[in-house]
Amino acid sequence: MKVSLIYSPAPRQVREWLLDLAQGSTVAQAIASCGVLAEFPELDAGHLTVGIWGRKVSAGQALREHDRVEIYRGLRVDPKIARRERFSRQGAKRAGLFSKTRAGGKAGY
């Protein structure tokens, strides 16, 4: 069966492996067969977060034809903190994000 494995080592960089595996193969077998762990030694085989088509799964999950296995990177910054920092740089009231308003509309909408 044909399966693709995707890993993004950094923002805007994507590596893809097209694999031809035996029927009933698991996510762990797909990761082992493509050589991603040898190419990216920073990945820890025991603590990978993986998914199929955007849904988190375990390494023992059986694969089906045309599945897309994704290896996820950890977050470097909490999204709430990043949003708060972006907002503080944009300004308040009539500056940045809230500079344009519709007639009769509330600020920021």
PDB file of N, CA and C in Angstrom:
ATOM      1  N   MET A   1       0.852  -1.180   0.000  1.00  0.00           N
ATOM      2  CA  MET A   1       0.000   0.000   0.000  1.00  0.00           C
ATOM      3  C   MET A   1       0.891   1.235   0.000  1.00  0.00           C
ATOM      4  N   LYS A   2       0.413   2.295  -0.604  1.00  0.00           N
ATOM      5  CA  LYS A   2       1.176   3.534  -0.713  1.00  0.00           C
ATOM      6  C   LYS A   2       0.764   4.500   0.397  1.00  0.00           C
ATOM      7  N   VAL A   3       1.788   5.046   1.094  1.00  0.00           N
ATOM      8  CA  VAL A   3       1.589   5.948   2.228  1.00  0.00           C
ATOM      9  C   VAL A   3       2.605   7.071   2.097  1.00  0.00           C
ATOM     10  N   SER A   4       2.247   8.275   2.509  1.00  0.00           N
ATOM     11  CA  SER A   4       3.226   9.369   2.542  1.00  0.00           C
ATOM     12  C   SER A   4       3.491   9.754   3.988  1.00  0.00           C
ATOM     13  N   LEU A   5       4.754  10.108   4.268  1.00  0.00           N
ATOM     14  CA  LEU A   5       5.156  10.531   5.605  1.00  0.00           C
ATOM     15  C   LEU A   5       5.688  11.949   5.475  1.00  0.00           C
ATOM     16  N   ILE A   6       5.204  12.857   6.325  1.00  0.00           N
ATOM     17  CA  ILE A   6       5.538  14.273   6.259  1.00  0.00           C
ATOM     18  C   ILE A   6       6.178  14.703   7.569  1.00  0.00           C
ATOM     19  N   TYR A   7       7.257  15.499   7.446  1.00  0.00           N
ATOM     20  CA  TYR A   7       7.871  16.116   8.621  1.00  0.00           C
ATOM     21  C   TYR A   7       8.361  17.496   8.232  1.00  0.00           C
ATOM     22  N   SER A   8       8.112  18.467   9.095  1.00  0.00           N
ATOM     23  CA  SER A   8       8.565  19.834   8.882  1.00  0.00           C
ATOM     24  C   SER A   8       9.589  20.169   9.961  1.00  0.00           C
ATOM     25  N   PRO A   9      10.890  20.158   9.623  1.00  0.00           N
ATOM     26  CA  PRO A   9      11.914  20.415  10.632  1.00  0.00           C
ATOM     27  C   PRO A   9      11.954  21.865  11.103  1.00  0.00           C
ATOM     28  N   ALA A  10      11.478  22.783  10.277  1.00  0.00           N
ATOM     29  CA  ALA A  10      11.474  24.211  10.613  1.00  0.00           C
ATOM     30  C   ALA A  10      10.329  24.870   9.858  1.00  0.00           C
ATOM     31  N   PRO A  11       9.944  26.087  10.243  1.00  0.00           N
ATOM     32  CA  PRO A  11       8.886  26.778   9.509  1.00  0.00           C
ATOM     33  C   PRO A  11       9.230  26.909   8.024  1.00  0.00           C
ATOM     34  N   ARG A  12       8.262  26.662   7.192  1.00  0.00           N
ATOM     35  CA  ARG A  12       8.360  26.760   5.738  1.00  0.00           C
ATOM     36  C   ARG A  12       9.318  25.738   5.114  1.00  0.00           C
ATOM     37  N   GLN A  13       9.621  24.674   5.839  1.00  0.00           N
ATOM     38  CA  GLN A  13      10.419  23.578   5.306  1.00  0.00           C
ATOM     39  C   GLN A  13       9.633  22.291   5.517  1.00  0.00           C
ATOM     40  N   VAL A  14       9.423  21.558   4.443  1.00  0.00           N
ATOM     41  CA  VAL A  14       8.644  20.321   4.538  1.00  0.00           C
ATOM     42  C   VAL A  14       9.393  19.218   3.811  1.00  0.00           C
ATOM     43  N   ARG A  15       9.533  18.079   4.454  1.00  0.00           N
ATOM     44  CA  ARG A  15      10.125  16.890   3.846  1.00  0.00           C
ATOM     45  C   ARG A  15       9.030  15.846   3.714  1.00  0.00           C
ATOM     46  N   GLU A  16       8.994  15.184   2.564  1.00  0.00           N
ATOM     47  CA  GLU A  16       7.970  14.174   2.319  1.00  0.00           C
ATOM     48  C   GLU A  16       8.625  12.902   1.790  1.00  0.00           C
ATOM     49  N   TRP A  17       8.207  11.782   2.337  1.00  0.00           N
ATOM     50  CA  TRP A  17       8.662  10.482   1.881  1.00  0.00           C
ATOM     51  C   TRP A  17       7.452   9.724   1.374  1.00  0.00           C
ATOM     52  N   LEU A  18       7.541   9.159   0.175  1.00  0.00           N
ATOM     53  CA  LEU A  18       6.493   8.306  -0.369  1.00  0.00           C
ATOM     54  C   LEU A  18       6.923   6.862  -0.129  1.00  0.00           C
ATOM     55  N   LEU A  19       6.120   6.133   0.608  1.00  0.00           N
ATOM     56  CA  LEU A  19       6.479   4.783   1.037  1.00  0.00           C
ATOM     57  C   LEU A  19       5.551   3.755   0.418  1.00  0.00           C
ATOM     58  N   ASP A  20       6.089   2.585   0.125  1.00  0.00           N
ATOM     59  CA  ASP A  20       5.299   1.452  -0.331  1.00  0.00           C
ATOM     60  C   ASP A  20       5.445   0.375   0.743  1.00  0.00           C
ATOM     61  N   LEU A  21       4.430   0.224   1.573  1.00  0.00           N
ATOM     62  CA  LEU A  21       4.483  -0.666   2.732  1.00  0.00           C
ATOM     63  C   LEU A  21       3.568  -1.869   2.543  1.00  0.00           C
ATOM     64  N   ALA A  22       3.820  -2.900   3.354  1.00  0.00           N
ATOM     65  CA  ALA A  22       2.961  -4.086   3.344  1.00  0.00           C
ATOM     66  C   ALA A  22       1.618  -3.755   3.986  1.00  0.00           C
ATOM     67  N   GLN A  23       0.603  -4.471   3.549  1.00  0.00           N
ATOM     68  CA  GLN A  23      -0.734  -4.281   4.116  1.00  0.00           C
ATOM     69  C   GLN A  23      -0.697  -4.558   5.609  1.00  0.00           C
ATOM     70  N   GLY A  24      -1.332  -3.702   6.420  1.00  0.00           N
ATOM     71  CA  GLY A  24      -1.387  -3.889   7.859  1.00  0.00           C
ATOM     72  C   GLY A  24      -0.207  -3.268   8.605  1.00  0.00           C
ATOM     73  N   SER A  25       0.635  -2.498   7.912  1.00  0.00           N
ATOM     74  CA  SER A  25       1.764  -1.837   8.574  1.00  0.00           C
ATOM     75  C   SER A  25       1.263  -0.767   9.536  1.00  0.00           C
ATOM     76  N   THR A  26       2.089  -0.448  10.526  1.00  0.00           N
ATOM     77  CA  THR A  26       1.723   0.545  11.528  1.00  0.00           C
ATOM     78  C   THR A  26       2.488   1.852  11.286  1.00  0.00           C
ATOM     79  N   VAL A  27       2.110   2.868  12.045  1.00  0.00           N
ATOM     80  CA  VAL A  27       2.777   4.164  11.970  1.00  0.00           C
ATOM     81  C   VAL A  27       4.248   4.017  12.345  1.00  0.00           C
ATOM     82  N   ALA A  28       4.550   3.244  13.376  1.00  0.00           N
ATOM     83  CA  ALA A  28       5.934   3.043  13.813  1.00  0.00           C
ATOM     84  C   ALA A  28       6.766   2.381  12.712  1.00  0.00           C
ATOM     85  N   GLN A  29       6.195   1.427  11.999  1.00  0.00           N
ATOM     86  CA  GLN A  29       6.906   0.771  10.910  1.00  0.00           C
ATOM     87  C   GLN A  29       7.166   1.737   9.758  1.00  0.00           C
ATOM     88  N   ALA A  30       6.227   2.631   9.497  1.00  0.00           N
ATOM     89  CA  ALA A  30       6.413   3.632   8.440  1.00  0.00           C
ATOM     90  C   ALA A  30       7.546   4.587   8.797  1.00  0.00           C
ATOM     91  N   ILE A  31       7.598   5.014  10.054  1.00  0.00           N
ATOM     92  CA  ILE A  31       8.658   5.924  10.505  1.00  0.00           C
ATOM     93  C   ILE A  31      10.016   5.237  10.431  1.00  0.00           C
ATOM     94  N   ALA A  32      10.069   3.972  10.829  1.00  0.00           N
ATOM     95  CA  ALA A  32      11.331   3.234  10.799  1.00  0.00           C
ATOM     96  C   ALA A  32      11.813   2.988   9.370  1.00  0.00           C
ATOM     97  N   SER A  33      10.896   2.735   8.446  1.00  0.00           N
ATOM     98  CA  SER A  33      11.289   2.376   7.082  1.00  0.00           C
ATOM     99  C   SER A  33      11.753   3.560   6.248  1.00  0.00           C
ATOM    100  N   CYS A  34      11.342   4.783   6.590  1.00  0.00           N
ATOM    101  CA  CYS A  34      11.689   5.920   5.740  1.00  0.00           C
ATOM    102  C   CYS A  34      13.035   6.546   6.099  1.00  0.00           C
ATOM    103  N   GLY A  35      13.550   6.322   7.289  1.00  0.00           N
ATOM    104  CA  GLY A  35      14.848   6.870   7.663  1.00  0.00           C
ATOM    105  C   GLY A  35      14.804   8.284   8.195  1.00  0.00           C
ATOM    106  N   VAL A  36      13.644   8.758   8.612  1.00  0.00           N
ATOM    107  CA  VAL A  36      13.522  10.123   9.133  1.00  0.00           C
ATOM    108  C   VAL A  36      14.315  10.285  10.431  1.00  0.00           C
ATOM    109  N   LEU A  37      14.387   9.246  11.234  1.00  0.00           N
ATOM    110  CA  LEU A  37      15.107   9.338  12.509  1.00  0.00           C
ATOM    111  C   LEU A  37      16.617   9.456  12.301  1.00  0.00           C
ATOM    112  N   ALA A  38      17.128   8.855  11.242  1.00  0.00           N
ATOM    113  CA  ALA A  38      18.561   8.972  10.935  1.00  0.00           C
ATOM    114  C   ALA A  38      18.875  10.347  10.348  1.00  0.00           C
ATOM    115  N   GLU A  39      17.959  10.873   9.536  1.00  0.00           N
ATOM    116  CA  GLU A  39      18.178  12.183   8.903  1.00  0.00           C
ATOM    117  C   GLU A  39      18.026  13.336   9.894  1.00  0.00           C
ATOM    118  N   PHE A  40      17.129  13.188  10.849  1.00  0.00           N
ATOM    119  CA  PHE A  40      16.880  14.225  11.857  1.00  0.00           C
ATOM    120  C   PHE A  40      17.114  13.627  13.246  1.00  0.00           C
ATOM    121  N   PRO A  41      18.353  13.633  13.723  1.00  0.00           N
ATOM    122  CA  PRO A  41      18.668  12.983  15.010  1.00  0.00           C
ATOM    123  C   PRO A  41      18.027  13.669  16.216  1.00  0.00           C
ATOM    124  N   GLU A  42      17.529  14.894  16.058  1.00  0.00           N
ATOM    125  CA  GLU A  42      16.873  15.565  17.182  1.00  0.00           C
ATOM    126  C   GLU A  42      15.528  14.934  17.537  1.00  0.00           C
ATOM    127  N   LEU A  43      14.989  14.112  16.644  1.00  0.00           N
ATOM    128  CA  LEU A  43      13.727  13.423  16.920  1.00  0.00           C
ATOM    129  C   LEU A  43      13.993  12.243  17.846  1.00  0.00           C
ATOM    130  N   ASP A  44      13.188  12.124  18.880  1.00  0.00           N
ATOM    131  CA  ASP A  44      13.298  11.022  19.823  1.00  0.00           C
ATOM    132  C   ASP A  44      12.213  10.004  19.475  1.00  0.00           C
ATOM    133  N   ALA A  45      12.621   8.826  19.042  1.00  0.00           N
ATOM    134  CA  ALA A  45      11.670   7.811  18.562  1.00  0.00           C
ATOM    135  C   ALA A  45      10.615   7.460  19.607  1.00  0.00           C
ATOM    136  N   GLY A  46      10.965   7.522  20.878  1.00  0.00           N
ATOM    137  CA  GLY A  46      10.021   7.142  21.918  1.00  0.00           C
ATOM    138  C   GLY A  46       9.013   8.223  22.269  1.00  0.00           C
ATOM    139  N   HIS A  47       9.289   9.457  21.895  1.00  0.00           N
ATOM    140  CA  HIS A  47       8.415  10.562  22.291  1.00  0.00           C
ATOM    141  C   HIS A  47       7.910  11.376  21.102  1.00  0.00           C
ATOM    142  N   LEU A  48       7.651  10.734  19.984  1.00  0.00           N
ATOM    143  CA  LEU A  48       7.137  11.448  18.818  1.00  0.00           C
ATOM    144  C   LEU A  48       5.636  11.656  18.946  1.00  0.00           C
ATOM    145  N   THR A  49       5.188  12.812  18.497  1.00  0.00           N
ATOM    146  CA  THR A  49       3.762  13.068  18.373  1.00  0.00           C
ATOM    147  C   THR A  49       3.426  12.931  16.894  1.00  0.00           C
ATOM    148  N   VAL A  50       2.576  11.979  16.576  1.00  0.00           N
ATOM    149  CA  VAL A  50       2.260  11.695  15.178  1.00  0.00           C
ATOM    150  C   VAL A  50       0.757  11.757  14.951  1.00  0.00           C
ATOM    151  N   GLY A  51       0.392  11.942  13.695  1.00  0.00           N
ATOM    152  CA  GLY A  51      -1.011  11.975  13.326  1.00  0.00           C
ATOM    153  C   GLY A  51      -1.207  11.443  11.924  1.00  0.00           C
ATOM    154  N   ILE A  52      -2.443  11.155  11.592  1.00  0.00           N
ATOM    155  CA  ILE A  52      -2.821  10.763  10.236  1.00  0.00           C
ATOM    156  C   ILE A  52      -3.870  11.755   9.778  1.00  0.00           C
ATOM    157  N   TRP A  53      -3.538  12.478   8.711  1.00  0.00           N
ATOM    158  CA  TRP A  53      -4.425  13.497   8.164  1.00  0.00           C
ATOM    159  C   TRP A  53      -4.893  14.486   9.236  1.00  0.00           C
ATOM    160  N   GLY A  54      -3.986  14.927  10.109  1.00  0.00           N
ATOM    161  CA  GLY A  54      -4.297  15.956  11.088  1.00  0.00           C
ATOM    162  C   GLY A  54      -4.924  15.452  12.375  1.00  0.00           C
ATOM    163  N   ARG A  55      -5.112  14.162  12.511  1.00  0.00           N
ATOM    164  CA  ARG A  55      -5.678  13.593  13.742  1.00  0.00           C
ATOM    165  C   ARG A  55      -4.597  12.822  14.475  1.00  0.00           C
ATOM    166  N   LYS A  56      -4.408  13.159  15.738  1.00  0.00           N
ATOM    167  CA  LYS A  56      -3.370  12.528  16.543  1.00  0.00           C
ATOM    168  C   LYS A  56      -3.674  11.041  16.736  1.00  0.00           C
ATOM    169  N   VAL A  57      -2.639  10.206  16.514  1.00  0.00           N
ATOM    170  CA  VAL A  57      -2.785   8.753  16.674  1.00  0.00           C
ATOM    171  C   VAL A  57      -1.568   8.217  17.427  1.00  0.00           C
ATOM    172  N   SER A  58      -1.651   6.967  17.839  1.00  0.00           N
ATOM    173  CA  SER A  58      -0.516   6.317  18.504  1.00  0.00           C
ATOM    174  C   SER A  58       0.375   5.667  17.445  1.00  0.00           C
ATOM    175  N   ALA A  59       1.572   5.283  17.865  1.00  0.00           N
ATOM    176  CA  ALA A  59       2.523   4.669  16.938  1.00  0.00           C
ATOM    177  C   ALA A  59       2.069   3.285  16.488  1.00  0.00           C
ATOM    178  N   GLY A  60       1.182   2.657  17.231  1.00  0.00           N
ATOM    179  CA  GLY A  60       0.691   1.329  16.878  1.00  0.00           C
ATOM    180  C   GLY A  60      -0.505   1.336  15.938  1.00  0.00           C
ATOM    181  N   GLN A  61      -0.943   2.493  15.530  1.00  0.00           N
ATOM    182  CA  GLN A  61      -2.110   2.618  14.646  1.00  0.00           C
ATOM    183  C   GLN A  61      -1.822   1.956  13.293  1.00  0.00           C
ATOM    184  N   ALA A  62      -2.737   1.123  12.833  1.00  0.00           N
ATOM    185  CA  ALA A  62      -2.599   0.482  11.518  1.00  0.00           C
ATOM    186  C   ALA A  62      -2.877   1.512  10.420  1.00  0.00           C
ATOM    187  N   LEU A  63      -2.139   1.407   9.335  1.00  0.00           N
ATOM    188  CA  LEU A  63      -2.289   2.349   8.222  1.00  0.00           C
ATOM    189  C   LEU A  63      -3.193   1.772   7.139  1.00  0.00           C
ATOM    190  N   ARG A  64      -3.789   2.667   6.376  1.00  0.00           N
ATOM    191  CA  ARG A  64      -4.605   2.276   5.233  1.00  0.00           C
ATOM    192  C   ARG A  64      -4.002   2.898   3.977  1.00  0.00           C
ATOM    193  N   GLU A  65      -4.444   2.462   2.840  1.00  0.00           N
ATOM    194  CA  GLU A  65      -3.969   2.976   1.552  1.00  0.00           C
ATOM    195  C   GLU A  65      -4.134   4.496   1.476  1.00  0.00           C
ATOM    196  N   HIS A  66      -3.108   5.183   1.008  1.00  0.00           N
ATOM    197  CA  HIS A  66      -3.084   6.637   0.794  1.00  0.00           C
ATOM    198  C   HIS A  66      -3.182   7.463   2.080  1.00  0.00           C
ATOM    199  N   ASP A  67      -2.824   6.890   3.222  1.00  0.00           N
ATOM    200  CA  ASP A  67      -2.768   7.670   4.464  1.00  0.00           C
ATOM    201  C   ASP A  67      -1.602   8.646   4.400  1.00  0.00           C
ATOM    202  N   ARG A  68      -1.739   9.751   5.116  1.00  0.00           N
ATOM    203  CA  ARG A  68      -0.685  10.752   5.231  1.00  0.00           C
ATOM    204  C   ARG A  68      -0.268  10.789   6.698  1.00  0.00           C
ATOM    205  N   VAL A  69       0.898  10.254   6.998  1.00  0.00           N
ATOM    206  CA  VAL A  69       1.423  10.220   8.365  1.00  0.00           C
ATOM    207  C   VAL A  69       2.201  11.513   8.585  1.00  0.00           C
ATOM    208  N   GLU A  70       1.890  12.214   9.664  1.00  0.00           N
ATOM    209  CA  GLU A  70       2.532  13.495   9.960  1.00  0.00           C
ATOM    210  C   GLU A  70       3.245  13.409  11.299  1.00  0.00           C
ATOM    211  N   ILE A  71       4.494  13.885  11.330  1.00  0.00           N
ATOM    212  CA  ILE A  71       5.250  13.976  12.581  1.00  0.00           C
ATOM    213  C   ILE A  71       5.212  15.432  13.004  1.00  0.00           C
ATOM    214  N   TYR A  72       4.748  15.686  14.219  1.00  0.00           N
ATOM    215  CA  TYR A  72       4.544  17.059  14.687  1.00  0.00           C
ATOM    216  C   TYR A  72       5.708  17.545  15.532  1.00  0.00           C
ATOM    217  N   ARG A  73       6.063  18.810  15.345  1.00  0.00           N
ATOM    218  CA  ARG A  73       7.059  19.476  16.187  1.00  0.00           C
ATOM    219  C   ARG A  73       6.360  20.026  17.407  1.00  0.00           C
ATOM    220  N   GLY A  74       7.102  20.192  18.500  1.00  0.00           N
ATOM    221  CA  GLY A  74       6.546  20.820  19.691  1.00  0.00           C
ATOM    222  C   GLY A  74       6.449  22.331  19.493  1.00  0.00           C
ATOM    223  N   LEU A  75       5.554  22.962  20.214  1.00  0.00           N
ATOM    224  CA  LEU A  75       5.421  24.415  20.137  1.00  0.00           C
ATOM    225  C   LEU A  75       6.560  25.079  20.891  1.00  0.00           C
ATOM    226  N   ARG A  76       7.098  26.149  20.324  1.00  0.00           N
ATOM    227  CA  ARG A  76       8.156  26.905  21.001  1.00  0.00           C
ATOM    228  C   ARG A  76       7.572  27.984  21.900  1.00  0.00           C
ATOM    229  N   VAL A  77       6.391  28.477  21.546  1.00  0.00           N
ATOM    230  CA  VAL A  77       5.751  29.555  22.293  1.00  0.00           C
ATOM    231  C   VAL A  77       4.282  29.197  22.470  1.00  0.00           C
ATOM    232  N   ASP A  78       3.738  29.518  23.634  1.00  0.00           N
ATOM    233  CA  ASP A  78       2.317  29.323  23.872  1.00  0.00           C
ATOM    234  C   ASP A  78       1.533  30.257  22.946  1.00  0.00           C
ATOM    235  N   PRO A  79       0.559  29.763  22.173  1.00  0.00           N
ATOM    236  CA  PRO A  79      -0.183  30.614  21.245  1.00  0.00           C
ATOM    237  C   PRO A  79      -0.872  31.805  21.907  1.00  0.00           C
ATOM    238  N   LYS A  80      -1.321  31.635  23.145  1.00  0.00           N
ATOM    239  CA  LYS A  80      -1.971  32.754  23.838  1.00  0.00           C
ATOM    240  C   LYS A  80      -0.980  33.877  24.117  1.00  0.00           C
ATOM    241  N   ILE A  81       0.221  33.517  24.523  1.00  0.00           N
ATOM    242  CA  ILE A  81       1.249  34.521  24.800  1.00  0.00           C
ATOM    243  C   ILE A  81       1.673  35.209  23.514  1.00  0.00           C
ATOM    244  N   ALA A  82       1.825  34.449  22.428  1.00  0.00           N
ATOM    245  CA  ALA A  82       2.209  35.036  21.143  1.00  0.00           C
ATOM    246  C   ALA A  82       1.166  36.038  20.668  1.00  0.00           C
ATOM    247  N   ARG A  83      -0.105  35.712  20.806  1.00  0.00           N
ATOM    248  CA  ARG A  83      -1.176  36.621  20.393  1.00  0.00           C
ATOM    249  C   ARG A  83      -1.153  37.889  21.233  1.00  0.00           C
ATOM    250  N   ARG A  84      -0.964  37.732  22.532  1.00  0.00           N
ATOM    251  CA  ARG A  84      -0.909  38.875  23.438  1.00  0.00           C
ATOM    252  C   ARG A  84       0.251  39.811  23.064  1.00  0.00           C
ATOM    253  N   GLU A  85       1.402  39.258  22.738  1.00  0.00           N
ATOM    254  CA  GLU A  85       2.552  40.073  22.351  1.00  0.00           C
ATOM    255  C   GLU A  85       2.321  40.773  21.023  1.00  0.00           C
ATOM    256  N   ARG A  86       1.714  40.077  20.051  1.00  0.00           N
ATOM    257  CA  ARG A  86       1.388  40.724  18.761  1.00  0.00           C
ATOM    258  C   ARG A  86       0.440  41.887  18.972  1.00  0.00           C
ATOM    259  N   PHE A  87      -0.560  41.689  19.810  1.00  0.00           N
ATOM    260  CA  PHE A  87      -1.546  42.742  20.064  1.00  0.00           C
ATOM    261  C   PHE A  87      -0.894  43.948  20.726  1.00  0.00           C
ATOM    262  N   SER A  88       0.020  43.711  21.678  1.00  0.00           N
ATOM    263  CA  SER A  88       0.654  44.839  22.369  1.00  0.00           C
ATOM    264  C   SER A  88       1.544  45.636  21.420  1.00  0.00           C
ATOM    265  N   ARG A  89       2.129  44.999  20.406  1.00  0.00           N
ATOM    266  CA  ARG A  89       2.947  45.719  19.428  1.00  0.00           C
ATOM    267  C   ARG A  89       2.099  46.519  18.446  1.00  0.00           C
ATOM    268  N   GLN A  90       0.855  46.102  18.210  1.00  0.00           N
ATOM    269  CA  GLN A  90       0.007  46.762  17.231  1.00  0.00           C
ATOM    270  C   GLN A  90      -0.583  48.062  17.751  1.00  0.00           C
ATOM    271  N   GLY A  91      -0.616  48.244  19.022  1.00  0.00           N
ATOM    272  CA  GLY A  91      -1.199  49.466  19.561  1.00  0.00           C
ATOM    273  C   GLY A  91      -2.634  49.241  20.006  1.00  0.00           C
ATOM    274  N   ALA A  92      -3.266  50.318  20.416  1.00  0.00           N
ATOM    275  CA  ALA A  92      -4.631  50.227  20.927  1.00  0.00           C
ATOM    276  C   ALA A  92      -5.486  51.330  20.338  1.00  0.00           C
ATOM    277  N   LYS A  93      -6.757  51.245  20.606  1.00  0.00           N
ATOM    278  CA  LYS A  93      -7.752  52.232  20.174  1.00  0.00           C
ATOM    279  C   LYS A  93      -7.711  52.436  18.657  1.00  0.00           C
ATOM    280  N   ARG A  94      -7.204  53.549  18.183  1.00  0.00           N
ATOM    281  CA  ARG A  94      -7.264  53.906  16.765  1.00  0.00           C
ATOM    282  C   ARG A  94      -5.997  53.531  15.986  1.00  0.00           C
ATOM    283  N   ALA A  95      -5.112  52.729  16.568  1.00  0.00           N
ATOM    284  CA  ALA A  95      -3.883  52.335  15.886  1.00  0.00           C
ATOM    285  C   ALA A  95      -3.895  50.837  15.601  1.00  0.00           C
ATOM    286  N   GLY A  96      -3.066  50.388  14.671  1.00  0.00           N
ATOM    287  CA  GLY A  96      -2.867  48.970  14.398  1.00  0.00           C
ATOM    288  C   GLY A  96      -4.113  48.252  13.950  1.00  0.00           C
ATOM    289  N   LEU A  97      -4.449  47.207  14.647  1.00  0.00           N
ATOM    290  CA  LEU A  97      -5.549  46.326  14.276  1.00  0.00           C
ATOM    291  C   LEU A  97      -6.891  47.054  14.235  1.00  0.00           C
ATOM    292  N   PHE A  98      -7.069  48.066  15.098  1.00  0.00           N
ATOM    293  CA  PHE A  98      -8.367  48.723  15.218  1.00  0.00           C
ATOM    294  C   PHE A  98      -8.432  50.062  14.488  1.00  0.00           C
ATOM    295  N   SER A  99      -7.546  50.286  13.523  1.00  0.00           N
ATOM    296  CA  SER A  99      -7.527  51.587  12.849  1.00  0.00           C
ATOM    297  C   SER A  99      -8.682  51.741  11.866  1.00  0.00           C
ATOM    298  N   LYS A 100      -9.214  50.665  11.334  1.00  0.00           N
ATOM    299  CA  LYS A 100     -10.301  50.747  10.362  1.00  0.00           C
ATOM    300  C   LYS A 100     -11.609  50.271  10.984  1.00  0.00           C
ATOM    301  N   THR A 101     -12.628  51.063  10.865  1.00  0.00           N
ATOM    302  CA  THR A 101     -13.949  50.653  11.365  1.00  0.00           C
ATOM    303  C   THR A 101     -14.990  50.899  10.288  1.00  0.00           C
ATOM    304  N   ARG A 102     -16.039  50.110  10.324  1.00  0.00           N
ATOM    305  CA  ARG A 102     -17.160  50.329   9.429  1.00  0.00           C
ATOM    306  C   ARG A 102     -18.056  51.382  10.024  1.00  0.00           C
ATOM    307  N   ALA A 103     -18.801  52.038   9.205  1.00  0.00           N
ATOM    308  CA  ALA A 103     -19.747  53.040   9.690  1.00  0.00           C
ATOM    309  C   ALA A 103     -20.780  52.353  10.579  1.00  0.00           C
ATOM    310  N   GLY A 104     -20.869  52.778  11.819  1.00  0.00           N
ATOM    311  CA  GLY A 104     -21.824  52.196  12.748  1.00  0.00           C
ATOM    312  C   GLY A 104     -21.332  50.919  13.406  1.00  0.00           C
ATOM    313  N   GLY A 105     -20.124  50.473  13.089  1.00  0.00           N
ATOM    314  CA  GLY A 105     -19.606  49.236  13.648  1.00  0.00           C
ATOM    315  C   GLY A 105     -18.739  49.487  14.871  1.00  0.00           C
ATOM    316  N   LYS A 106     -18.516  48.446  15.629  1.00  0.00           N
ATOM    317  CA  LYS A 106     -17.645  48.535  16.792  1.00  0.00           C
ATOM    318  C   LYS A 106     -16.186  48.457  16.348  1.00  0.00           C
ATOM    319  N   ALA A 107     -15.301  48.975  17.142  1.00  0.00           N
ATOM    320  CA  ALA A 107     -13.882  48.939  16.821  1.00  0.00           C
ATOM    321  C   ALA A 107     -13.394  47.490  16.752  1.00  0.00           C
ATOM    322  N   GLY A 108     -12.615  47.178  15.739  1.00  0.00           N
ATOM    323  CA  GLY A 108     -12.065  45.840  15.599  1.00  0.00           C
ATOM    324  C   GLY A 108     -12.947  44.863  14.875  1.00  0.00           C
ATOM    325  N   TYR A 109     -14.127  45.266  14.418  1.00  0.00           N
ATOM    326  CA  TYR A 109     -15.023  44.356  13.708  1.00  0.00           C
ATOM    327  C   TYR A 109     -15.217  44.806  12.286  1.00  0.00           C
TER     328      TYR A 109
END
